[in-house]
Amino acid sequence: MPLPARSHHERGAGTVLALTLGAVVMALLVGVLLLAQAGVLASRAASAADLAALAAADAARGLTSGDPCAVASDVAGRHDATLTSCTVVGGDVVEVATALAHPFDWGGATGRARAGPPP
């Protein structure tokens, strides 16, 4: 018994399916890479906030010279972050917030930290 003849309408359907599947995989890969980059930026912003708060707390306690918020701004700037807020609480405790811009201007990452003398 002979096989039925294939329709000419189905020619190239496998190619279209493979190209579509490849495009979907590439779109998912781009999404995963963007999420990974957002995680790295959030970690960098948090680290900049931690370091800026520690340096500002040292300045507030008199261990280093300078205004605590100016010291925090300098430390944040050295880590490519911007100091968005700085508050000296109770004389020795400093609260800071930093922001780090996304390279493609799709928002940014923020970090907050609080530092003071050891207990």
PDB file of N, CA and C in Angstrom:
ATOM      1  N   MET A   1       0.841  -1.159   0.000  1.00  0.00           N
ATOM      2  CA  MET A   1       0.000   0.000   0.000  1.00  0.00           C
ATOM      3  C   MET A   1       0.897   1.236   0.000  1.00  0.00           C
ATOM      4  N   PRO A   2       0.740   2.107  -0.936  1.00  0.00           N
ATOM      5  CA  PRO A   2       1.602   3.290  -1.032  1.00  0.00           C
ATOM      6  C   PRO A   2       1.219   4.330   0.031  1.00  0.00           C
ATOM      7  N   LEU A   3       2.233   5.088   0.477  1.00  0.00           N
ATOM      8  CA  LEU A   3       1.998   6.158   1.453  1.00  0.00           C
ATOM      9  C   LEU A   3       1.301   7.327   0.773  1.00  0.00           C
ATOM     10  N   PRO A   4       0.445   8.032   1.516  1.00  0.00           N
ATOM     11  CA  PRO A   4      -0.218   9.178   0.897  1.00  0.00           C
ATOM     12  C   PRO A   4       0.801  10.283   0.616  1.00  0.00           C
ATOM     13  N   ALA A   5       0.578  10.993  -0.424  1.00  0.00           N
ATOM     14  CA  ALA A   5       1.472  12.093  -0.812  1.00  0.00           C
ATOM     15  C   ALA A   5       1.346  13.231   0.193  1.00  0.00           C
ATOM     16  N   ARG A   6       2.478  13.840   0.526  1.00  0.00           N
ATOM     17  CA  ARG A   6       2.467  14.958   1.460  1.00  0.00           C
ATOM     18  C   ARG A   6       1.978  16.213   0.761  1.00  0.00           C
ATOM     19  N   SER A   7       1.332  17.019   1.535  1.00  0.00           N
ATOM     20  CA  SER A   7       0.847  18.283   1.001  1.00  0.00           C
ATOM     21  C   SER A   7       2.008  19.258   0.901  1.00  0.00           C
ATOM     22  N   HIS A   8       2.000  20.056  -0.115  1.00  0.00           N
ATOM     23  CA  HIS A   8       3.043  21.075  -0.288  1.00  0.00           C
ATOM     24  C   HIS A   8       2.910  22.196   0.742  1.00  0.00           C
ATOM     25  N   HIS A   9       1.783  22.269   1.421  1.00  0.00           N
ATOM     26  CA  HIS A   9       1.571  23.312   2.422  1.00  0.00           C
ATOM     27  C   HIS A   9       2.394  23.072   3.682  1.00  0.00           C
ATOM     28  N   GLU A  10       2.849  21.841   3.886  1.00  0.00           N
ATOM     29  CA  GLU A  10       3.598  21.520   5.092  1.00  0.00           C
ATOM     30  C   GLU A  10       5.102  21.663   4.892  1.00  0.00           C
ATOM     31  N   ARG A  11       5.559  21.984   3.729  1.00  0.00           N
ATOM     32  CA  ARG A  11       6.990  22.118   3.478  1.00  0.00           C
ATOM     33  C   ARG A  11       7.523  23.316   4.245  1.00  0.00           C
ATOM     34  N   GLY A  12       8.603  23.108   4.988  1.00  0.00           N
ATOM     35  CA  GLY A  12       9.224  24.186   5.757  1.00  0.00           C
ATOM     36  C   GLY A  12       8.597  24.404   7.120  1.00  0.00           C
ATOM     37  N   ALA A  13       7.604  23.626   7.511  1.00  0.00           N
ATOM     38  CA  ALA A  13       6.958  23.802   8.811  1.00  0.00           C
ATOM     39  C   ALA A  13       7.934  23.509   9.946  1.00  0.00           C
ATOM     40  N   GLY A  14       8.819  22.552   9.752  1.00  0.00           N
ATOM     41  CA  GLY A  14       9.827  22.237  10.770  1.00  0.00           C
ATOM     42  C   GLY A  14      10.804  23.382  10.966  1.00  0.00           C
ATOM     43  N   THR A  15      11.154  24.054   9.884  1.00  0.00           N
ATOM     44  CA  THR A  15      12.060  25.198   9.968  1.00  0.00           C
ATOM     45  C   THR A  15      11.418  26.333  10.741  1.00  0.00           C
ATOM     46  N   VAL A  16      10.172  26.607  10.459  1.00  0.00           N
ATOM     47  CA  VAL A  16       9.465  27.671  11.171  1.00  0.00           C
ATOM     48  C   VAL A  16       9.338  27.331  12.646  1.00  0.00           C
ATOM     49  N   LEU A  17       9.037  26.088  12.952  1.00  0.00           N
ATOM     50  CA  LEU A  17       8.928  25.650  14.335  1.00  0.00           C
ATOM     51  C   LEU A  17      10.271  25.787  15.053  1.00  0.00           C
ATOM     52  N   ALA A  18      11.361  25.389  14.404  1.00  0.00           N
ATOM     53  CA  ALA A  18      12.689  25.494  15.010  1.00  0.00           C
ATOM     54  C   ALA A  18      13.079  26.955  15.236  1.00  0.00           C
ATOM     55  N   LEU A  19      12.792  27.817  14.286  1.00  0.00           N
ATOM     56  CA  LEU A  19      13.100  29.240  14.447  1.00  0.00           C
ATOM     57  C   LEU A  19      12.287  29.869  15.579  1.00  0.00           C
ATOM     58  N   THR A  20      11.031  29.497  15.685  1.00  0.00           N
ATOM     59  CA  THR A  20      10.183  30.011  16.758  1.00  0.00           C
ATOM     60  C   THR A  20      10.689  29.535  18.116  1.00  0.00           C
ATOM     61  N   LEU A  21      11.038  28.269  18.209  1.00  0.00           N
ATOM     62  CA  LEU A  21      11.567  27.724  19.453  1.00  0.00           C
ATOM     63  C   LEU A  21      12.886  28.402  19.828  1.00  0.00           C
ATOM     64  N   GLY A  22      13.731  28.642  18.841  1.00  0.00           N
ATOM     65  CA  GLY A  22      14.990  29.352  19.091  1.00  0.00           C
ATOM     66  C   GLY A  22      14.756  30.766  19.591  1.00  0.00           C
ATOM     67  N   ALA A  23      13.773  31.463  19.022  1.00  0.00           N
ATOM     68  CA  ALA A  23      13.461  32.829  19.467  1.00  0.00           C
ATOM     69  C   ALA A  23      12.930  32.833  20.897  1.00  0.00           C
ATOM     70  N   VAL A  24      12.112  31.858  21.246  1.00  0.00           N
ATOM     71  CA  VAL A  24      11.579  31.768  22.613  1.00  0.00           C
ATOM     72  C   VAL A  24      12.711  31.510  23.601  1.00  0.00           C
ATOM     73  N   VAL A  25      13.620  30.619  23.267  1.00  0.00           N
ATOM     74  CA  VAL A  25      14.758  30.328  24.146  1.00  0.00           C
ATOM     75  C   VAL A  25      15.622  31.572  24.313  1.00  0.00           C
ATOM     76  N   MET A  26      15.867  32.307  23.244  1.00  0.00           N
ATOM     77  CA  MET A  26      16.674  33.530  23.326  1.00  0.00           C
ATOM     78  C   MET A  26      15.979  34.588  24.189  1.00  0.00           C
ATOM     79  N   ALA A  27      14.675  34.733  24.065  1.00  0.00           N
ATOM     80  CA  ALA A  27      13.941  35.702  24.886  1.00  0.00           C
ATOM     81  C   ALA A  27      14.011  35.321  26.366  1.00  0.00           C
ATOM     82  N   LEU A  28      13.889  34.040  26.673  1.00  0.00           N
ATOM     83  CA  LEU A  28      14.009  33.592  28.059  1.00  0.00           C
ATOM     84  C   LEU A  28      15.417  33.829  28.594  1.00  0.00           C
ATOM     85  N   LEU A  29      16.417  33.616  27.769  1.00  0.00           N
ATOM     86  CA  LEU A  29      17.801  33.844  28.175  1.00  0.00           C
ATOM     87  C   LEU A  29      18.048  35.318  28.479  1.00  0.00           C
ATOM     88  N   VAL A  30      17.509  36.201  27.658  1.00  0.00           N
ATOM     89  CA  VAL A  30      17.647  37.634  27.909  1.00  0.00           C
ATOM     90  C   VAL A  30      16.960  38.006  29.224  1.00  0.00           C
ATOM     91  N   GLY A  31      15.805  37.451  29.491  1.00  0.00           N
ATOM     92  CA  GLY A  31      15.108  37.719  30.751  1.00  0.00           C
ATOM     93  C   GLY A  31      15.899  37.256  31.960  1.00  0.00           C
ATOM     94  N   VAL A  32      16.490  36.075  31.880  1.00  0.00           N
ATOM     95  CA  VAL A  32      17.295  35.556  32.982  1.00  0.00           C
ATOM     96  C   VAL A  32      18.525  36.429  33.195  1.00  0.00           C
ATOM     97  N   LEU A  33      19.162  36.860  32.122  1.00  0.00           N
ATOM     98  CA  LEU A  33      20.333  37.726  32.244  1.00  0.00           C
ATOM     99  C   LEU A  33      19.980  39.074  32.865  1.00  0.00           C
ATOM    100  N   LEU A  34      18.835  39.629  32.516  1.00  0.00           N
ATOM    101  CA  LEU A  34      18.409  40.900  33.118  1.00  0.00           C
ATOM    102  C   LEU A  34      18.118  40.736  34.609  1.00  0.00           C
ATOM    103  N   LEU A  35      17.509  39.628  34.989  1.00  0.00           N
ATOM    104  CA  LEU A  35      17.266  39.372  36.411  1.00  0.00           C
ATOM    105  C   LEU A  35      18.576  39.186  37.176  1.00  0.00           C
ATOM    106  N   ALA A  36      19.533  38.508  36.576  1.00  0.00           N
ATOM    107  CA  ALA A  36      20.832  38.322  37.223  1.00  0.00           C
ATOM    108  C   ALA A  36      21.536  39.661  37.396  1.00  0.00           C
ATOM    109  N   GLN A  37      21.463  40.505  36.381  1.00  0.00           N
ATOM    110  CA  GLN A  37      22.094  41.825  36.480  1.00  0.00           C
ATOM    111  C   GLN A  37      21.418  42.671  37.554  1.00  0.00           C
ATOM    112  N   ALA A  38      20.117  42.570  37.690  1.00  0.00           N
ATOM    113  CA  ALA A  38      19.413  43.310  38.739  1.00  0.00           C
ATOM    114  C   ALA A  38      19.857  42.828  40.119  1.00  0.00           C
ATOM    115  N   GLY A  39      20.069  41.546  40.272  1.00  0.00           N
ATOM    116  CA  GLY A  39      20.553  41.015  41.539  1.00  0.00           C
ATOM    117  C   GLY A  39      21.954  41.504  41.876  1.00  0.00           C
ATOM    118  N   VAL A  40      22.817  41.561  40.882  1.00  0.00           N
ATOM    119  CA  VAL A  40      24.177  42.061  41.098  1.00  0.00           C
ATOM    120  C   VAL A  40      24.140  43.535  41.475  1.00  0.00           C
ATOM    121  N   LEU A  41      23.307  44.322  40.788  1.00  0.00           N
ATOM    122  CA  LEU A  41      23.207  45.751  41.108  1.00  0.00           C
ATOM    123  C   LEU A  41      22.671  45.963  42.520  1.00  0.00           C
ATOM    124  N   ALA A  42      21.699  45.169  42.932  1.00  0.00           N
ATOM    125  CA  ALA A  42      21.161  45.294  44.289  1.00  0.00           C
ATOM    126  C   ALA A  42      22.226  44.964  45.325  1.00  0.00           C
ATOM    127  N   SER A  43      23.034  43.962  45.048  1.00  0.00           N
ATOM    128  CA  SER A  43      24.109  43.596  45.969  1.00  0.00           C
ATOM    129  C   SER A  43      25.164  44.696  46.048  1.00  0.00           C
ATOM    130  N   ARG A  44      25.495  45.285  44.910  1.00  0.00           N
ATOM    131  CA  ARG A  44      26.479  46.377  44.907  1.00  0.00           C
ATOM    132  C   ARG A  44      25.953  47.601  45.638  1.00  0.00           C
ATOM    133  N   ALA A  45      24.674  47.913  45.482  1.00  0.00           N
ATOM    134  CA  ALA A  45      24.088  49.069  46.185  1.00  0.00           C
ATOM    135  C   ALA A  45      24.068  48.824  47.687  1.00  0.00           C
ATOM    136  N   ALA A  46      23.752  47.609  48.100  1.00  0.00           N
ATOM    137  CA  ALA A  46      23.739  47.282  49.528  1.00  0.00           C
ATOM    138  C   ALA A  46      25.149  47.339  50.112  1.00  0.00           C
ATOM    139  N   SER A  47      26.128  46.854  49.368  1.00  0.00           N
ATOM    140  CA  SER A  47      27.510  46.911  49.841  1.00  0.00           C
ATOM    141  C   SER A  47      27.991  48.350  49.978  1.00  0.00           C
ATOM    142  N   ALA A  48      27.645  49.186  49.007  1.00  0.00           N
ATOM    143  CA  ALA A  48      28.027  50.602  49.079  1.00  0.00           C
ATOM    144  C   ALA A  48      27.382  51.267  50.291  1.00  0.00           C
ATOM    145  N   ALA A  49      26.132  50.925  50.576  1.00  0.00           N
ATOM    146  CA  ALA A  49      25.448  51.497  51.740  1.00  0.00           C
ATOM    147  C   ALA A  49      26.106  51.022  53.030  1.00  0.00           C
ATOM    148  N   ASP A  50      26.452  49.758  53.114  1.00  0.00           N
ATOM    149  CA  ASP A  50      27.116  49.233  54.311  1.00  0.00           C
ATOM    150  C   ASP A  50      28.437  49.947  54.567  1.00  0.00           C
ATOM    151  N   LEU A  51      29.255  50.052  53.535  1.00  0.00           N
ATOM    152  CA  LEU A  51      30.565  50.676  53.698  1.00  0.00           C
ATOM    153  C   LEU A  51      30.449  52.167  54.018  1.00  0.00           C
ATOM    154  N   ALA A  52      29.496  52.842  53.372  1.00  0.00           N
ATOM    155  CA  ALA A  52      29.303  54.264  53.648  1.00  0.00           C
ATOM    156  C   ALA A  52      28.819  54.482  55.077  1.00  0.00           C
ATOM    157  N   ALA A  53      27.931  53.625  55.558  1.00  0.00           N
ATOM    158  CA  ALA A  53      27.432  53.762  56.925  1.00  0.00           C
ATOM    159  C   ALA A  53      28.541  53.507  57.941  1.00  0.00           C
ATOM    160  N   LEU A  54      29.376  52.520  57.689  1.00  0.00           N
ATOM    161  CA  LEU A  54      30.483  52.248  58.608  1.00  0.00           C
ATOM    162  C   LEU A  54      31.466  53.409  58.656  1.00  0.00           C
ATOM    163  N   ALA A  55      31.800  53.960  57.500  1.00  0.00           N
ATOM    164  CA  ALA A  55      32.729  55.089  57.463  1.00  0.00           C
ATOM    165  C   ALA A  55      32.126  56.316  58.135  1.00  0.00           C
ATOM    166  N   ALA A  56      30.835  56.551  57.906  1.00  0.00           N
ATOM    167  CA  ALA A  56      30.172  57.695  58.527  1.00  0.00           C
ATOM    168  C   ALA A  56      30.078  57.525  60.037  1.00  0.00           C
ATOM    169  N   ALA A  57      29.847  56.304  60.502  1.00  0.00           N
ATOM    170  CA  ALA A  57      29.782  56.056  61.943  1.00  0.00           C
ATOM    171  C   ALA A  57      31.141  56.304  62.596  1.00  0.00           C
ATOM    172  N   ASP A  58      32.210  55.930  61.912  1.00  0.00           N
ATOM    173  CA  ASP A  58      33.545  56.221  62.439  1.00  0.00           C
ATOM    174  C   ASP A  58      33.779  57.721  62.533  1.00  0.00           C
ATOM    175  N   ALA A  59      33.317  58.462  61.540  1.00  0.00           N
ATOM    176  CA  ALA A  59      33.464  59.924  61.580  1.00  0.00           C
ATOM    177  C   ALA A  59      32.591  60.523  62.675  1.00  0.00           C
ATOM    178  N   ALA A  60      31.412  59.976  62.878  1.00  0.00           N
ATOM    179  CA  ALA A  60      30.521  60.500  63.925  1.00  0.00           C
ATOM    180  C   ALA A  60      31.097  60.256  65.314  1.00  0.00           C
ATOM    181  N   ARG A  61      31.809  59.168  65.487  1.00  0.00           N
ATOM    182  CA  ARG A  61      32.421  58.851  66.786  1.00  0.00           C
ATOM    183  C   ARG A  61      33.749  59.565  66.981  1.00  0.00           C
ATOM    184  N   GLY A  62      34.259  60.220  65.944  1.00  0.00           N
ATOM    185  CA  GLY A  62      35.520  60.929  66.057  1.00  0.00           C
ATOM    186  C   GLY A  62      36.733  60.083  65.760  1.00  0.00           C
ATOM    187  N   LEU A  63      36.553  58.879  65.256  1.00  0.00           N
ATOM    188  CA  LEU A  63      37.681  58.011  64.923  1.00  0.00           C
ATOM    189  C   LEU A  63      38.384  58.462  63.655  1.00  0.00           C
ATOM    190  N   THR A  64      37.648  59.106  62.752  1.00  0.00           N
ATOM    191  CA  THR A  64      38.223  59.705  61.549  1.00  0.00           C
ATOM    192  C   THR A  64      37.718  61.128  61.457  1.00  0.00           C
ATOM    193  N   SER A  65      38.404  61.946  60.680  1.00  0.00           N
ATOM    194  CA  SER A  65      38.011  63.353  60.579  1.00  0.00           C
ATOM    195  C   SER A  65      36.980  63.539  59.471  1.00  0.00           C
ATOM    196  N   GLY A  66      36.191  64.586  59.609  1.00  0.00           N
ATOM    197  CA  GLY A  66      35.221  64.948  58.587  1.00  0.00           C
ATOM    198  C   GLY A  66      33.792  64.819  59.058  1.00  0.00           C
ATOM    199  N   ASP A  67      32.915  65.444  58.283  1.00  0.00           N
ATOM    200  CA  ASP A  67      31.479  65.358  58.538  1.00  0.00           C
ATOM    201  C   ASP A  67      31.004  63.956  58.167  1.00  0.00           C
ATOM    202  N   PRO A  68      30.218  63.301  59.000  1.00  0.00           N
ATOM    203  CA  PRO A  68      29.800  61.922  58.705  1.00  0.00           C
ATOM    204  C   PRO A  68      29.114  61.767  57.351  1.00  0.00           C
ATOM    205  N   CYS A  69      28.239  62.686  57.002  1.00  0.00           N
ATOM    206  CA  CYS A  69      27.519  62.549  55.728  1.00  0.00           C
ATOM    207  C   CYS A  69      28.433  62.828  54.532  1.00  0.00           C
ATOM    208  N   ALA A  70      29.404  63.713  54.702  1.00  0.00           N
ATOM    209  CA  ALA A  70      30.367  63.948  53.622  1.00  0.00           C
ATOM    210  C   ALA A  70      31.252  62.730  53.421  1.00  0.00           C
ATOM    211  N   VAL A  71      31.653  62.114  54.516  1.00  0.00           N
ATOM    212  CA  VAL A  71      32.454  60.881  54.432  1.00  0.00           C
ATOM    213  C   VAL A  71      31.641  59.778  53.765  1.00  0.00           C
ATOM    214  N   ALA A  72      30.378  59.648  54.144  1.00  0.00           N
ATOM    215  CA  ALA A  72      29.515  58.622  53.539  1.00  0.00           C
ATOM    216  C   ALA A  72      29.340  58.862  52.048  1.00  0.00           C
ATOM    217  N   SER A  73      29.170  60.109  51.657  1.00  0.00           N
ATOM    218  CA  SER A  73      29.013  60.433  50.238  1.00  0.00           C
ATOM    219  C   SER A  73      30.272  60.086  49.455  1.00  0.00           C
ATOM    220  N   ASP A  74      31.435  60.362  50.045  1.00  0.00           N
ATOM    221  CA  ASP A  74      32.696  60.049  49.378  1.00  0.00           C
ATOM    222  C   ASP A  74      32.856  58.536  49.207  1.00  0.00           C
ATOM    223  N   VAL A  75      32.555  57.777  50.243  1.00  0.00           N
ATOM    224  CA  VAL A  75      32.692  56.321  50.171  1.00  0.00           C
ATOM    225  C   VAL A  75      31.697  55.734  49.167  1.00  0.00           C
ATOM    226  N   ALA A  76      30.473  56.221  49.168  1.00  0.00           N
ATOM    227  CA  ALA A  76      29.478  55.732  48.208  1.00  0.00           C
ATOM    228  C   ALA A  76      29.915  56.052  46.779  1.00  0.00           C
ATOM    229  N   GLY A  77      30.453  57.249  46.574  1.00  0.00           N
ATOM    230  CA  GLY A  77      30.915  57.633  45.242  1.00  0.00           C
ATOM    231  C   GLY A  77      32.057  56.768  44.745  1.00  0.00           C
ATOM    232  N   ARG A  78      32.912  56.323  45.653  1.00  0.00           N
ATOM    233  CA  ARG A  78      34.013  55.446  45.259  1.00  0.00           C
ATOM    234  C   ARG A  78      33.516  54.073  44.810  1.00  0.00           C
ATOM    235  N   HIS A  79      32.288  53.750  45.139  1.00  0.00           N
ATOM    236  CA  HIS A  79      31.687  52.480  44.722  1.00  0.00           C
ATOM    237  C   HIS A  79      30.625  52.692  43.645  1.00  0.00           C
ATOM    238  N   ASP A  80      30.710  53.810  42.946  1.00  0.00           N
ATOM    239  CA  ASP A  80      29.806  54.146  41.830  1.00  0.00           C
ATOM    240  C   ASP A  80      28.351  54.261  42.259  1.00  0.00           C
ATOM    241  N   ALA A  81      28.126  54.572  43.514  1.00  0.00           N
ATOM    242  CA  ALA A  81      26.761  54.736  44.027  1.00  0.00           C
ATOM    243  C   ALA A  81      26.554  56.208  44.400  1.00  0.00           C
ATOM    244  N   THR A  82      25.305  56.580  44.534  1.00  0.00           N
ATOM    245  CA  THR A  82      24.940  57.927  44.941  1.00  0.00           C
ATOM    246  C   THR A  82      24.297  57.854  46.320  1.00  0.00           C
ATOM    247  N   LEU A  83      24.732  58.722  47.196  1.00  0.00           N
ATOM    248  CA  LEU A  83      24.137  58.786  48.529  1.00  0.00           C
ATOM    249  C   LEU A  83      22.817  59.537  48.420  1.00  0.00           C
ATOM    250  N   THR A  84      21.714  58.877  48.734  1.00  0.00           N
ATOM    251  CA  THR A  84      20.405  59.516  48.610  1.00  0.00           C
ATOM    252  C   THR A  84      19.913  60.094  49.925  1.00  0.00           C
ATOM    253  N   SER A  85      20.351  59.532  51.052  1.00  0.00           N
ATOM    254  CA  SER A  85      20.003  60.116  52.346  1.00  0.00           C
ATOM    255  C   SER A  85      21.055  59.728  53.372  1.00  0.00           C
ATOM    256  N   CYS A  86      21.220  60.618  54.342  1.00  0.00           N
ATOM    257  CA  CYS A  86      22.173  60.380  55.418  1.00  0.00           C
ATOM    258  C   CYS A  86      21.627  61.064  56.658  1.00  0.00           C
ATOM    259  N   THR A  87      21.487  60.302  57.735  1.00  0.00           N
ATOM    260  CA  THR A  87      20.953  60.841  58.980  1.00  0.00           C
ATOM    261  C   THR A  87      21.808  60.356  60.141  1.00  0.00           C
ATOM    262  N   VAL A  88      22.251  61.312  60.956  1.00  0.00           N
ATOM    263  CA  VAL A  88      22.975  60.956  62.174  1.00  0.00           C
ATOM    264  C   VAL A  88      21.950  60.887  63.296  1.00  0.00           C
ATOM    265  N   VAL A  89      21.820  59.708  63.903  1.00  0.00           N
ATOM    266  CA  VAL A  89      20.814  59.460  64.927  1.00  0.00           C
ATOM    267  C   VAL A  89      21.517  59.310  66.269  1.00  0.00           C
ATOM    268  N   GLY A  90      21.164  60.139  67.212  1.00  0.00           N
ATOM    269  CA  GLY A  90      21.702  60.004  68.559  1.00  0.00           C
ATOM    270  C   GLY A  90      23.176  60.306  68.697  1.00  0.00           C
ATOM    271  N   GLY A  91      23.790  60.918  67.738  1.00  0.00           N
ATOM    272  CA  GLY A  91      25.181  61.317  67.843  1.00  0.00           C
ATOM    273  C   GLY A  91      26.179  60.315  67.318  1.00  0.00           C
ATOM    274  N   ASP A  92      25.954  59.020  67.495  1.00  0.00           N
ATOM    275  CA  ASP A  92      26.931  58.016  67.071  1.00  0.00           C
ATOM    276  C   ASP A  92      26.420  57.062  65.992  1.00  0.00           C
ATOM    277  N   VAL A  93      25.138  56.959  65.822  1.00  0.00           N
ATOM    278  CA  VAL A  93      24.542  56.020  64.864  1.00  0.00           C
ATOM    279  C   VAL A  93      24.201  56.782  63.583  1.00  0.00           C
ATOM    280  N   VAL A  94      24.543  56.184  62.449  1.00  0.00           N
ATOM    281  CA  VAL A  94      24.305  56.819  61.146  1.00  0.00           C
ATOM    282  C   VAL A  94      23.467  55.889  60.286  1.00  0.00           C
ATOM    283  N   GLU A  95      22.441  56.435  59.659  1.00  0.00           N
ATOM    284  CA  GLU A  95      21.611  55.699  58.700  1.00  0.00           C
ATOM    285  C   GLU A  95      21.827  56.309  57.329  1.00  0.00           C
ATOM    286  N   VAL A  96      22.146  55.471  56.341  1.00  0.00           N
ATOM    287  CA  VAL A  96      22.374  55.966  54.985  1.00  0.00           C
ATOM    288  C   VAL A  96      21.549  55.147  53.993  1.00  0.00           C
ATOM    289  N   ALA A  97      21.305  55.760  52.861  1.00  0.00           N
ATOM    290  CA  ALA A  97      20.657  55.079  51.737  1.00  0.00           C
ATOM    291  C   ALA A  97      21.436  55.435  50.480  1.00  0.00           C
ATOM    292  N   THR A  98      21.651  54.448  49.631  1.00  0.00           N
ATOM    293  CA  THR A  98      22.385  54.654  48.386  1.00  0.00           C
ATOM    294  C   THR A  98      21.543  54.190  47.205  1.00  0.00           C
ATOM    295  N   ALA A  99      21.903  54.684  46.039  1.00  0.00           N
ATOM    296  CA  ALA A  99      21.250  54.270  44.800  1.00  0.00           C
ATOM    297  C   ALA A  99      22.323  54.010  43.756  1.00  0.00           C
ATOM    298  N   LEU A 100      22.069  53.029  42.934  1.00  0.00           N
ATOM    299  CA  LEU A 100      22.988  52.662  41.869  1.00  0.00           C
ATOM    300  C   LEU A 100      22.178  52.592  40.590  1.00  0.00           C
ATOM    301  N   ALA A 101      22.582  53.358  39.587  1.00  0.00           N
ATOM    302  CA  ALA A 101      21.816  53.436  38.338  1.00  0.00           C
ATOM    303  C   ALA A 101      22.040  52.192  37.486  1.00  0.00           C
ATOM    304  N   HIS A 102      20.988  51.770  36.792  1.00  0.00           N
ATOM    305  CA  HIS A 102      21.072  50.649  35.856  1.00  0.00           C
ATOM    306  C   HIS A 102      21.766  51.144  34.591  1.00  0.00           C
ATOM    307  N   PRO A 103      22.649  50.348  33.992  1.00  0.00           N
ATOM    308  CA  PRO A 103      23.372  50.816  32.809  1.00  0.00           C
ATOM    309  C   PRO A 103      22.479  51.203  31.632  1.00  0.00           C
ATOM    310  N   PHE A 104      21.283  50.632  31.545  1.00  0.00           N
ATOM    311  CA  PHE A 104      20.404  50.919  30.422  1.00  0.00           C
ATOM    312  C   PHE A 104      19.257  51.850  30.811  1.00  0.00           C
ATOM    313  N   ASP A 105      19.382  52.536  31.931  1.00  0.00           N
ATOM    314  CA  ASP A 105      18.360  53.474  32.429  1.00  0.00           C
ATOM    315  C   ASP A 105      16.996  52.817  32.603  1.00  0.00           C
ATOM    316  N   TRP A 106      16.958  51.598  33.119  1.00  0.00           N
ATOM    317  CA  TRP A 106      15.700  50.906  33.385  1.00  0.00           C
ATOM    318  C   TRP A 106      15.399  50.900  34.869  1.00  0.00           C
ATOM    319  N   GLY A 107      15.753  51.971  35.539  1.00  0.00           N
ATOM    320  CA  GLY A 107      15.563  52.016  36.976  1.00  0.00           C
ATOM    321  C   GLY A 107      16.896  51.832  37.662  1.00  0.00           C
ATOM    322  N   GLY A 108      16.861  51.586  38.925  1.00  0.00           N
ATOM    323  CA  GLY A 108      18.111  51.431  39.657  1.00  0.00           C
ATOM    324  C   GLY A 108      17.929  50.538  40.854  1.00  0.00           C
ATOM    325  N   ALA A 109      19.030  50.329  41.542  1.00  0.00           N
ATOM    326  CA  ALA A 109      19.015  49.516  42.754  1.00  0.00           C
ATOM    327  C   ALA A 109      19.291  50.424  43.940  1.00  0.00           C
ATOM    328  N   THR A 110      18.706  50.101  45.072  1.00  0.00           N
ATOM    329  CA  THR A 110      18.911  50.907  46.273  1.00  0.00           C
ATOM    330  C   THR A 110      19.418  50.038  47.394  1.00  0.00           C
ATOM    331  N   GLY A 111      20.105  50.684  48.319  1.00  0.00           N
ATOM    332  CA  GLY A 111      20.597  49.994  49.507  1.00  0.00           C
ATOM    333  C   GLY A 111      20.432  50.879  50.722  1.00  0.00           C
ATOM    334  N   ARG A 112      20.193  50.286  51.853  1.00  0.00           N
ATOM    335  CA  ARG A 112      20.047  51.015  53.107  1.00  0.00           C
ATOM    336  C   ARG A 112      20.897  50.321  54.152  1.00  0.00           C
ATOM    337  N   ALA A 113      21.498  51.140  55.045  1.00  0.00           N
ATOM    338  CA  ALA A 113      22.314  50.563  56.106  1.00  0.00           C
ATOM    339  C   ALA A 113      22.311  51.485  57.305  1.00  0.00           C
ATOM    340  N   ARG A 114      22.595  50.877  58.437  1.00  0.00           N
ATOM    341  CA  ARG A 114      22.666  51.615  59.707  1.00  0.00           C
ATOM    342  C   ARG A 114      23.899  51.100  60.439  1.00  0.00           C
ATOM    343  N   ALA A 115      24.711  52.027  60.939  1.00  0.00           N
ATOM    344  CA  ALA A 115      25.925  51.631  61.640  1.00  0.00           C
ATOM    345  C   ALA A 115      26.149  52.548  62.835  1.00  0.00           C
ATOM    346  N   GLY A 116      26.807  52.000  63.832  1.00  0.00           N
ATOM    347  CA  GLY A 116      27.106  52.761  65.027  1.00  0.00           C
ATOM    348  C   GLY A 116      28.188  52.067  65.831  1.00  0.00           C
ATOM    349  N   PRO A 117      28.370  52.495  67.053  1.00  0.00           N
ATOM    350  CA  PRO A 117      29.418  51.899  67.885  1.00  0.00           C
ATOM    351  C   PRO A 117      29.047  50.455  68.250  1.00  0.00           C
ATOM    352  N   PRO A 118      30.060  49.653  68.546  1.00  0.00           N
ATOM    353  CA  PRO A 118      29.757  48.290  68.947  1.00  0.00           C
ATOM    354  C   PRO A 118      29.019  48.257  70.281  1.00  0.00           C
ATOM    355  N   PRO A 119      28.228  47.223  70.499  1.00  0.00           N
ATOM    356  CA  PRO A 119      27.450  47.155  71.752  1.00  0.00           C
ATOM    357  C   PRO A 119      28.320  46.966  72.972  1.00  0.00           C
TER     358      PRO A 119
END
